[in-house]
Amino acid sequence: MCNACFDGDKISTTTTFTVEYKNCIIIVRNVPCLECQVCGDITFTDKVSEQLEKIVTAAKTVLQDISVIDYAKVA
């Protein structure tokens, strides 16, 4: 059940995760997630959240105006 709308079931899919940091944009594509079929709310498992934190931290060390990272290639 969805924690946002309390109505829909969540399905496993992928999404794009975006972070703004110091006038730069970090984009992580193909991130595994759970998406509500009713309201579209996206949630991540603890494991995926931890991996996203590592990916974003690493991207911050090589900042460009835009960084696009494929989750599957670095996770």
PDB file of N, CA and C in Angstrom:
ATOM      1  N   MET A   1       0.844  -1.186   0.000  1.00  0.00           N
ATOM      2  CA  MET A   1       0.000   0.000   0.000  1.00  0.00           C
ATOM      3  C   MET A   1       0.889   1.250   0.000  1.00  0.00           C
ATOM      4  N   CYS A   2       0.427   2.274  -0.650  1.00  0.00           N
ATOM      5  CA  CYS A   2       1.153   3.537  -0.759  1.00  0.00           C
ATOM      6  C   CYS A   2       1.085   4.317   0.554  1.00  0.00           C
ATOM      7  N   ASN A   3       2.225   4.864   0.959  1.00  0.00           N
ATOM      8  CA  ASN A   3       2.279   5.690   2.170  1.00  0.00           C
ATOM      9  C   ASN A   3       1.815   7.118   1.925  1.00  0.00           C
ATOM     10  N   ALA A   4       1.676   7.517   0.663  1.00  0.00           N
ATOM     11  CA  ALA A   4       1.251   8.881   0.348  1.00  0.00           C
ATOM     12  C   ALA A   4      -0.268   8.980   0.205  1.00  0.00           C
ATOM     13  N   CYS A   5      -0.848   8.102  -0.617  1.00  0.00           N
ATOM     14  CA  CYS A   5      -2.293   8.193  -0.865  1.00  0.00           C
ATOM     15  C   CYS A   5      -3.090   7.122  -0.118  1.00  0.00           C
ATOM     16  N   PHE A   6      -2.397   6.146   0.445  1.00  0.00           N
ATOM     17  CA  PHE A   6      -3.023   5.038   1.187  1.00  0.00           C
ATOM     18  C   PHE A   6      -4.032   4.265   0.346  1.00  0.00           C
ATOM     19  N   ASP A   7      -3.880   4.337  -0.978  1.00  0.00           N
ATOM     20  CA  ASP A   7      -4.852   3.694  -1.852  1.00  0.00           C
ATOM     21  C   ASP A   7      -4.206   2.705  -2.815  1.00  0.00           C
ATOM     22  N   GLY A   8      -3.118   3.088  -3.422  1.00  0.00           N
ATOM     23  CA  GLY A   8      -2.547   2.289  -4.501  1.00  0.00           C
ATOM     24  C   GLY A   8      -1.516   1.279  -4.057  1.00  0.00           C
ATOM     25  N   ASP A   9      -1.312   0.282  -4.907  1.00  0.00           N
ATOM     26  CA  ASP A   9      -0.249  -0.692  -4.710  1.00  0.00           C
ATOM     27  C   ASP A   9       1.013  -0.174  -5.381  1.00  0.00           C
ATOM     28  N   LYS A  10       2.167  -0.553  -4.837  1.00  0.00           N
ATOM     29  CA  LYS A  10       3.452  -0.140  -5.397  1.00  0.00           C
ATOM     30  C   LYS A  10       3.955  -1.213  -6.352  1.00  0.00           C
ATOM     31  N   ILE A  11       4.550  -0.769  -7.453  1.00  0.00           N
ATOM     32  CA  ILE A  11       5.166  -1.691  -8.401  1.00  0.00           C
ATOM     33  C   ILE A  11       6.654  -1.369  -8.502  1.00  0.00           C
ATOM     34  N   SER A  12       7.459  -2.388  -8.767  1.00  0.00           N
ATOM     35  CA  SER A  12       8.892  -2.188  -8.961  1.00  0.00           C
ATOM     36  C   SER A  12       9.128  -1.646 -10.358  1.00  0.00           C
ATOM     37  N   THR A  13       9.916  -0.582 -10.438  1.00  0.00           N
ATOM     38  CA  THR A  13      10.242   0.038 -11.720  1.00  0.00           C
ATOM     39  C   THR A  13      11.559   0.790 -11.552  1.00  0.00           C
ATOM     40  N   THR A  14      11.890   1.665 -12.467  1.00  0.00           N
ATOM     41  CA  THR A  14      13.066   2.522 -12.328  1.00  0.00           C
ATOM     42  C   THR A  14      12.648   3.970 -12.545  1.00  0.00           C
ATOM     43  N   THR A  15      13.479   4.876 -12.031  1.00  0.00           N
ATOM     44  CA  THR A  15      13.204   6.301 -12.163  1.00  0.00           C
ATOM     45  C   THR A  15      14.514   7.051 -12.342  1.00  0.00           C
ATOM     46  N   THR A  16      14.416   8.335 -12.569  1.00  0.00           N
ATOM     47  CA  THR A  16      15.580   9.212 -12.635  1.00  0.00           C
ATOM     48  C   THR A  16      15.599  10.060 -11.375  1.00  0.00           C
ATOM     49  N   PHE A  17      16.740  10.071 -10.685  1.00  0.00           N
ATOM     50  CA  PHE A  17      16.922  10.806  -9.433  1.00  0.00           C
ATOM     51  C   PHE A  17      17.780  12.030  -9.730  1.00  0.00           C
ATOM     52  N   THR A  18      17.310  13.209  -9.333  1.00  0.00           N
ATOM     53  CA  THR A  18      18.007  14.460  -9.632  1.00  0.00           C
ATOM     54  C   THR A  18      18.313  15.223  -8.355  1.00  0.00           C
ATOM     55  N   VAL A  19      19.542  15.764  -8.279  1.00  0.00           N
ATOM     56  CA  VAL A  19      19.976  16.555  -7.128  1.00  0.00           C
ATOM     57  C   VAL A  19      20.613  17.837  -7.646  1.00  0.00           C
ATOM     58  N   GLU A  20      20.267  18.962  -7.032  1.00  0.00           N
ATOM     59  CA  GLU A  20      20.958  20.222  -7.316  1.00  0.00           C
ATOM     60  C   GLU A  20      21.971  20.452  -6.209  1.00  0.00           C
ATOM     61  N   TYR A  21      23.223  20.777  -6.600  1.00  0.00           N
ATOM     62  CA  TYR A  21      24.287  20.984  -5.623  1.00  0.00           C
ATOM     63  C   TYR A  21      25.242  22.047  -6.152  1.00  0.00           C
ATOM     64  N   LYS A  22      25.362  23.143  -5.441  1.00  0.00           N
ATOM     65  CA  LYS A  22      26.287  24.229  -5.808  1.00  0.00           C
ATOM     66  C   LYS A  22      26.176  24.616  -7.283  1.00  0.00           C
ATOM     67  N   ASN A  23      25.004  24.982  -7.717  1.00  0.00           N
ATOM     68  CA  ASN A  23      24.750  25.407  -9.098  1.00  0.00           C
ATOM     69  C   ASN A  23      25.028  24.323 -10.133  1.00  0.00           C
ATOM     70  N   CYS A  24      25.081  23.077  -9.706  1.00  0.00           N
ATOM     71  CA  CYS A  24      25.261  21.951 -10.613  1.00  0.00           C
ATOM     72  C   CYS A  24      24.073  21.006 -10.466  1.00  0.00           C
ATOM     73  N   ILE A  25      23.871  20.179 -11.460  1.00  0.00           N
ATOM     74  CA  ILE A  25      22.791  19.196 -11.427  1.00  0.00           C
ATOM     75  C   ILE A  25      23.407  17.811 -11.576  1.00  0.00           C
ATOM     76  N   ILE A  26      23.066  16.924 -10.651  1.00  0.00           N
ATOM     77  CA  ILE A  26      23.511  15.533 -10.700  1.00  0.00           C
ATOM     78  C   ILE A  26      22.284  14.688 -11.033  1.00  0.00           C
ATOM     79  N   ILE A  27      22.371  13.934 -12.114  1.00  0.00           N
ATOM     80  CA  ILE A  27      21.258  13.100 -12.564  1.00  0.00           C
ATOM     81  C   ILE A  27      21.698  11.640 -12.507  1.00  0.00           C
ATOM     82  N   VAL A  28      20.923  10.819 -11.811  1.00  0.00           N
ATOM     83  CA  VAL A  28      21.194   9.383 -11.754  1.00  0.00           C
ATOM     84  C   VAL A  28      20.012   8.688 -12.431  1.00  0.00           C
ATOM     85  N   ARG A  29      20.288   8.018 -13.519  1.00  0.00           N
ATOM     86  CA  ARG A  29      19.228   7.362 -14.294  1.00  0.00           C
ATOM     87  C   ARG A  29      19.092   5.894 -13.908  1.00  0.00           C
ATOM     88  N   ASN A  30      17.939   5.326 -14.232  1.00  0.00           N
ATOM     89  CA  ASN A  30      17.675   3.895 -14.059  1.00  0.00           C
ATOM     90  C   ASN A  30      17.788   3.434 -12.611  1.00  0.00           C
ATOM     91  N   VAL A  31      17.315   4.258 -11.685  1.00  0.00           N
ATOM     92  CA  VAL A  31      17.372   3.927 -10.262  1.00  0.00           C
ATOM     93  C   VAL A  31      16.176   3.038  -9.906  1.00  0.00           C
ATOM     94  N   PRO A  32      16.427   1.854  -9.325  1.00  0.00           N
ATOM     95  CA  PRO A  32      15.316   0.993  -8.916  1.00  0.00           C
ATOM     96  C   PRO A  32      14.454   1.686  -7.863  1.00  0.00           C
ATOM     97  N   CYS A  33      13.141   1.554  -8.004  1.00  0.00           N
ATOM     98  CA  CYS A  33      12.236   2.202  -7.053  1.00  0.00           C
ATOM     99  C   CYS A  33      10.917   1.452  -6.988  1.00  0.00           C
ATOM    100  N   LEU A  34      10.075   1.885  -6.058  1.00  0.00           N
ATOM    101  CA  LEU A  34       8.701   1.405  -5.953  1.00  0.00           C
ATOM    102  C   LEU A  34       7.806   2.591  -6.258  1.00  0.00           C
ATOM    103  N   GLU A  35       6.899   2.429  -7.226  1.00  0.00           N
ATOM    104  CA  GLU A  35       6.031   3.526  -7.649  1.00  0.00           C
ATOM    105  C   GLU A  35       4.568   3.154  -7.434  1.00  0.00           C
ATOM    106  N   CYS A  36       3.814   4.072  -6.828  1.00  0.00           N
ATOM    107  CA  CYS A  36       2.388   3.857  -6.603  1.00  0.00           C
ATOM    108  C   CYS A  36       1.654   3.905  -7.938  1.00  0.00           C
ATOM    109  N   GLN A  37       0.794   2.928  -8.171  1.00  0.00           N
ATOM    110  CA  GLN A  37       0.028   2.878  -9.418  1.00  0.00           C
ATOM    111  C   GLN A  37      -1.095   3.907  -9.450  1.00  0.00           C
ATOM    112  N   VAL A  38      -1.451   4.481  -8.295  1.00  0.00           N
ATOM    113  CA  VAL A  38      -2.537   5.461  -8.243  1.00  0.00           C
ATOM    114  C   VAL A  38      -2.002   6.889  -8.293  1.00  0.00           C
ATOM    115  N   CYS A  39      -1.126   7.245  -7.344  1.00  0.00           N
ATOM    116  CA  CYS A  39      -0.681   8.645  -7.244  1.00  0.00           C
ATOM    117  C   CYS A  39       0.707   8.901  -7.827  1.00  0.00           C
ATOM    118  N   GLY A  40       1.462   7.832  -8.142  1.00  0.00           N
ATOM    119  CA  GLY A  40       2.782   8.010  -8.735  1.00  0.00           C
ATOM    120  C   GLY A  40       3.893   8.280  -7.742  1.00  0.00           C
ATOM    121  N   ASP A  41       3.595   8.218  -6.431  1.00  0.00           N
ATOM    122  CA  ASP A  41       4.617   8.451  -5.409  1.00  0.00           C
ATOM    123  C   ASP A  41       5.752   7.435  -5.570  1.00  0.00           C
ATOM    124  N   ILE A  42       6.984   7.918  -5.464  1.00  0.00           N
ATOM    125  CA  ILE A  42       8.172   7.086  -5.626  1.00  0.00           C
ATOM    126  C   ILE A  42       8.842   6.903  -4.269  1.00  0.00           C
ATOM    127  N   THR A  43       9.229   5.656  -3.961  1.00  0.00           N
ATOM    128  CA  THR A  43      10.020   5.386  -2.761  1.00  0.00           C
ATOM    129  C   THR A  43      11.185   4.484  -3.144  1.00  0.00           C
ATOM    130  N   PHE A  44      12.241   4.558  -2.331  1.00  0.00           N
ATOM    131  CA  PHE A  44      13.431   3.737  -2.539  1.00  0.00           C
ATOM    132  C   PHE A  44      13.609   2.815  -1.344  1.00  0.00           C
ATOM    133  N   THR A  45      14.175   1.636  -1.589  1.00  0.00           N
ATOM    134  CA  THR A  45      14.525   0.759  -0.481  1.00  0.00           C
ATOM    135  C   THR A  45      15.710   1.382   0.255  1.00  0.00           C
ATOM    136  N   ASP A  46      15.966   0.913   1.468  1.00  0.00           N
ATOM    137  CA  ASP A  46      17.111   1.421   2.229  1.00  0.00           C
ATOM    138  C   ASP A  46      18.412   1.180   1.471  1.00  0.00           C
ATOM    139  N   LYS A  47      18.536   0.011   0.856  1.00  0.00           N
ATOM    140  CA  LYS A  47      19.755  -0.323   0.114  1.00  0.00           C
ATOM    141  C   LYS A  47      19.975   0.645  -1.047  1.00  0.00           C
ATOM    142  N   VAL A  48      18.922   0.932  -1.802  1.00  0.00           N
ATOM    143  CA  VAL A  48      19.031   1.860  -2.935  1.00  0.00           C
ATOM    144  C   VAL A  48      19.336   3.268  -2.432  1.00  0.00           C
ATOM    145  N   SER A  49      18.710   3.683  -1.337  1.00  0.00           N
ATOM    146  CA  SER A  49      18.976   5.015  -0.767  1.00  0.00           C
ATOM    147  C   SER A  49      20.437   5.153  -0.366  1.00  0.00           C
ATOM    148  N   GLU A  50      20.990   4.123   0.259  1.00  0.00           N
ATOM    149  CA  GLU A  50      22.401   4.148   0.657  1.00  0.00           C
ATOM    150  C   GLU A  50      23.300   4.233  -0.570  1.00  0.00           C
ATOM    151  N   GLN A  51      22.972   3.477  -1.611  1.00  0.00           N
ATOM    152  CA  GLN A  51      23.772   3.500  -2.832  1.00  0.00           C
ATOM    153  C   GLN A  51      23.670   4.858  -3.525  1.00  0.00           C
ATOM    154  N   LEU A  52      22.489   5.449  -3.550  1.00  0.00           N
ATOM    155  CA  LEU A  52      22.323   6.787  -4.130  1.00  0.00           C
ATOM    156  C   LEU A  52      23.183   7.808  -3.400  1.00  0.00           C
ATOM    157  N   GLU A  53      23.222   7.703  -2.076  1.00  0.00           N
ATOM    158  CA  GLU A  53      24.048   8.623  -1.288  1.00  0.00           C
ATOM    159  C   GLU A  53      25.517   8.491  -1.680  1.00  0.00           C
ATOM    160  N   LYS A  54      25.995   7.271  -1.874  1.00  0.00           N
ATOM    161  CA  LYS A  54      27.387   7.049  -2.284  1.00  0.00           C
ATOM    162  C   LYS A  54      27.639   7.614  -3.680  1.00  0.00           C
ATOM    163  N   ILE A  55      26.710   7.383  -4.588  1.00  0.00           N
ATOM    164  CA  ILE A  55      26.857   7.864  -5.966  1.00  0.00           C
ATOM    165  C   ILE A  55      26.901   9.387  -6.005  1.00  0.00           C
ATOM    166  N   VAL A  56      25.999  10.039  -5.288  1.00  0.00           N
ATOM    167  CA  VAL A  56      25.947  11.504  -5.275  1.00  0.00           C
ATOM    168  C   VAL A  56      27.198  12.074  -4.610  1.00  0.00           C
ATOM    169  N   THR A  57      27.649  11.456  -3.531  1.00  0.00           N
ATOM    170  CA  THR A  57      28.869  11.912  -2.855  1.00  0.00           C
ATOM    171  C   THR A  57      30.062  11.831  -3.801  1.00  0.00           C
ATOM    172  N   ALA A  58      30.167  10.741  -4.550  1.00  0.00           N
ATOM    173  CA  ALA A  58      31.259  10.592  -5.513  1.00  0.00           C
ATOM    174  C   ALA A  58      31.146  11.620  -6.633  1.00  0.00           C
ATOM    175  N   ALA A  59      29.939  11.874  -7.107  1.00  0.00           N
ATOM    176  CA  ALA A  59      29.738  12.848  -8.184  1.00  0.00           C
ATOM    177  C   ALA A  59      30.119  14.254  -7.738  1.00  0.00           C
ATOM    178  N   LYS A  60      29.917  14.556  -6.463  1.00  0.00           N
ATOM    179  CA  LYS A  60      30.253  15.887  -5.942  1.00  0.00           C
ATOM    180  C   LYS A  60      31.749  16.157  -6.017  1.00  0.00           C
ATOM    181  N   THR A  61      32.574  15.108  -6.034  1.00  0.00           N
ATOM    182  CA  THR A  61      34.020  15.307  -6.074  1.00  0.00           C
ATOM    183  C   THR A  61      34.517  15.659  -7.470  1.00  0.00           C
ATOM    184  N   VAL A  62      33.708  15.415  -8.483  1.00  0.00           N
ATOM    185  CA  VAL A  62      34.093  15.719  -9.866  1.00  0.00           C
ATOM    186  C   VAL A  62      33.023  16.583 -10.518  1.00  0.00           C
ATOM    187  N   LEU A  63      32.613  17.614  -9.808  1.00  0.00           N
ATOM    188  CA  LEU A  63      31.483  18.434 -10.252  1.00  0.00           C
ATOM    189  C   LEU A  63      31.688  19.051 -11.624  1.00  0.00           C
ATOM    190  N   GLN A  64      30.636  18.969 -12.393  1.00  0.00           N
ATOM    191  CA  GLN A  64      30.513  19.642 -13.668  1.00  0.00           C
ATOM    192  C   GLN A  64      29.181  20.371 -13.603  1.00  0.00           C
ATOM    193  N   ASP A  65      28.835  21.103 -14.642  1.00  0.00           N
ATOM    194  CA  ASP A  65      27.529  21.757 -14.634  1.00  0.00           C
ATOM    195  C   ASP A  65      26.411  20.727 -14.552  1.00  0.00           C
ATOM    196  N   ILE A  66      26.583  19.625 -15.302  1.00  0.00           N
ATOM    197  CA  ILE A  66      25.608  18.538 -15.270  1.00  0.00           C
ATOM    198  C   ILE A  66      26.370  17.218 -15.254  1.00  0.00           C
ATOM    199  N   SER A  67      26.018  16.326 -14.332  1.00  0.00           N
ATOM    200  CA  SER A  67      26.569  14.973 -14.292  1.00  0.00           C
ATOM    201  C   SER A  67      25.424  13.993 -14.465  1.00  0.00           C
ATOM    202  N   VAL A  68      25.537  13.112 -15.463  1.00  0.00           N
ATOM    203  CA  VAL A  68      24.516  12.089 -15.692  1.00  0.00           C
ATOM    204  C   VAL A  68      25.165  10.735 -15.438  1.00  0.00           C
ATOM    205  N   ILE A  69      24.581   9.969 -14.516  1.00  0.00           N
ATOM    206  CA  ILE A  69      25.156   8.703 -14.085  1.00  0.00           C
ATOM    207  C   ILE A  69      24.109   7.613 -14.243  1.00  0.00           C
ATOM    208  N   ASP A  70      24.513   6.459 -14.774  1.00  0.00           N
ATOM    209  CA  ASP A  70      23.606   5.314 -14.892  1.00  0.00           C
ATOM    210  C   ASP A  70      23.778   4.451 -13.648  1.00  0.00           C
ATOM    211  N   TYR A  71      22.742   4.339 -12.843  1.00  0.00           N
ATOM    212  CA  TYR A  71      22.771   3.607 -11.574  1.00  0.00           C
ATOM    213  C   TYR A  71      23.315   2.193 -11.766  1.00  0.00           C
ATOM    214  N   ALA A  72      22.840   1.492 -12.778  1.00  0.00           N
ATOM    215  CA  ALA A  72      23.219   0.098 -12.993  1.00  0.00           C
ATOM    216  C   ALA A  72      24.713  -0.063 -13.269  1.00  0.00           C
ATOM    217  N   LYS A  73      25.344   0.955 -13.794  1.00  0.00           N
ATOM    218  CA  LYS A  73      26.763   0.861 -14.122  1.00  0.00           C
ATOM    219  C   LYS A  73      27.671   1.158 -12.940  1.00  0.00           C
ATOM    220  N   VAL A  74      27.155   1.794 -11.895  1.00  0.00           N
ATOM    221  CA  VAL A  74      28.003   2.157 -10.756  1.00  0.00           C
ATOM    222  C   VAL A  74      27.552   1.556  -9.434  1.00  0.00           C
ATOM    223  N   ALA A  75      26.379   0.975  -9.376  1.00  0.00           N
ATOM    224  CA  ALA A  75      25.865   0.410  -8.119  1.00  0.00           C
ATOM    225  C   ALA A  75      26.435  -0.970  -7.871  1.00  0.00           C
TER     226      ALA A  75
END
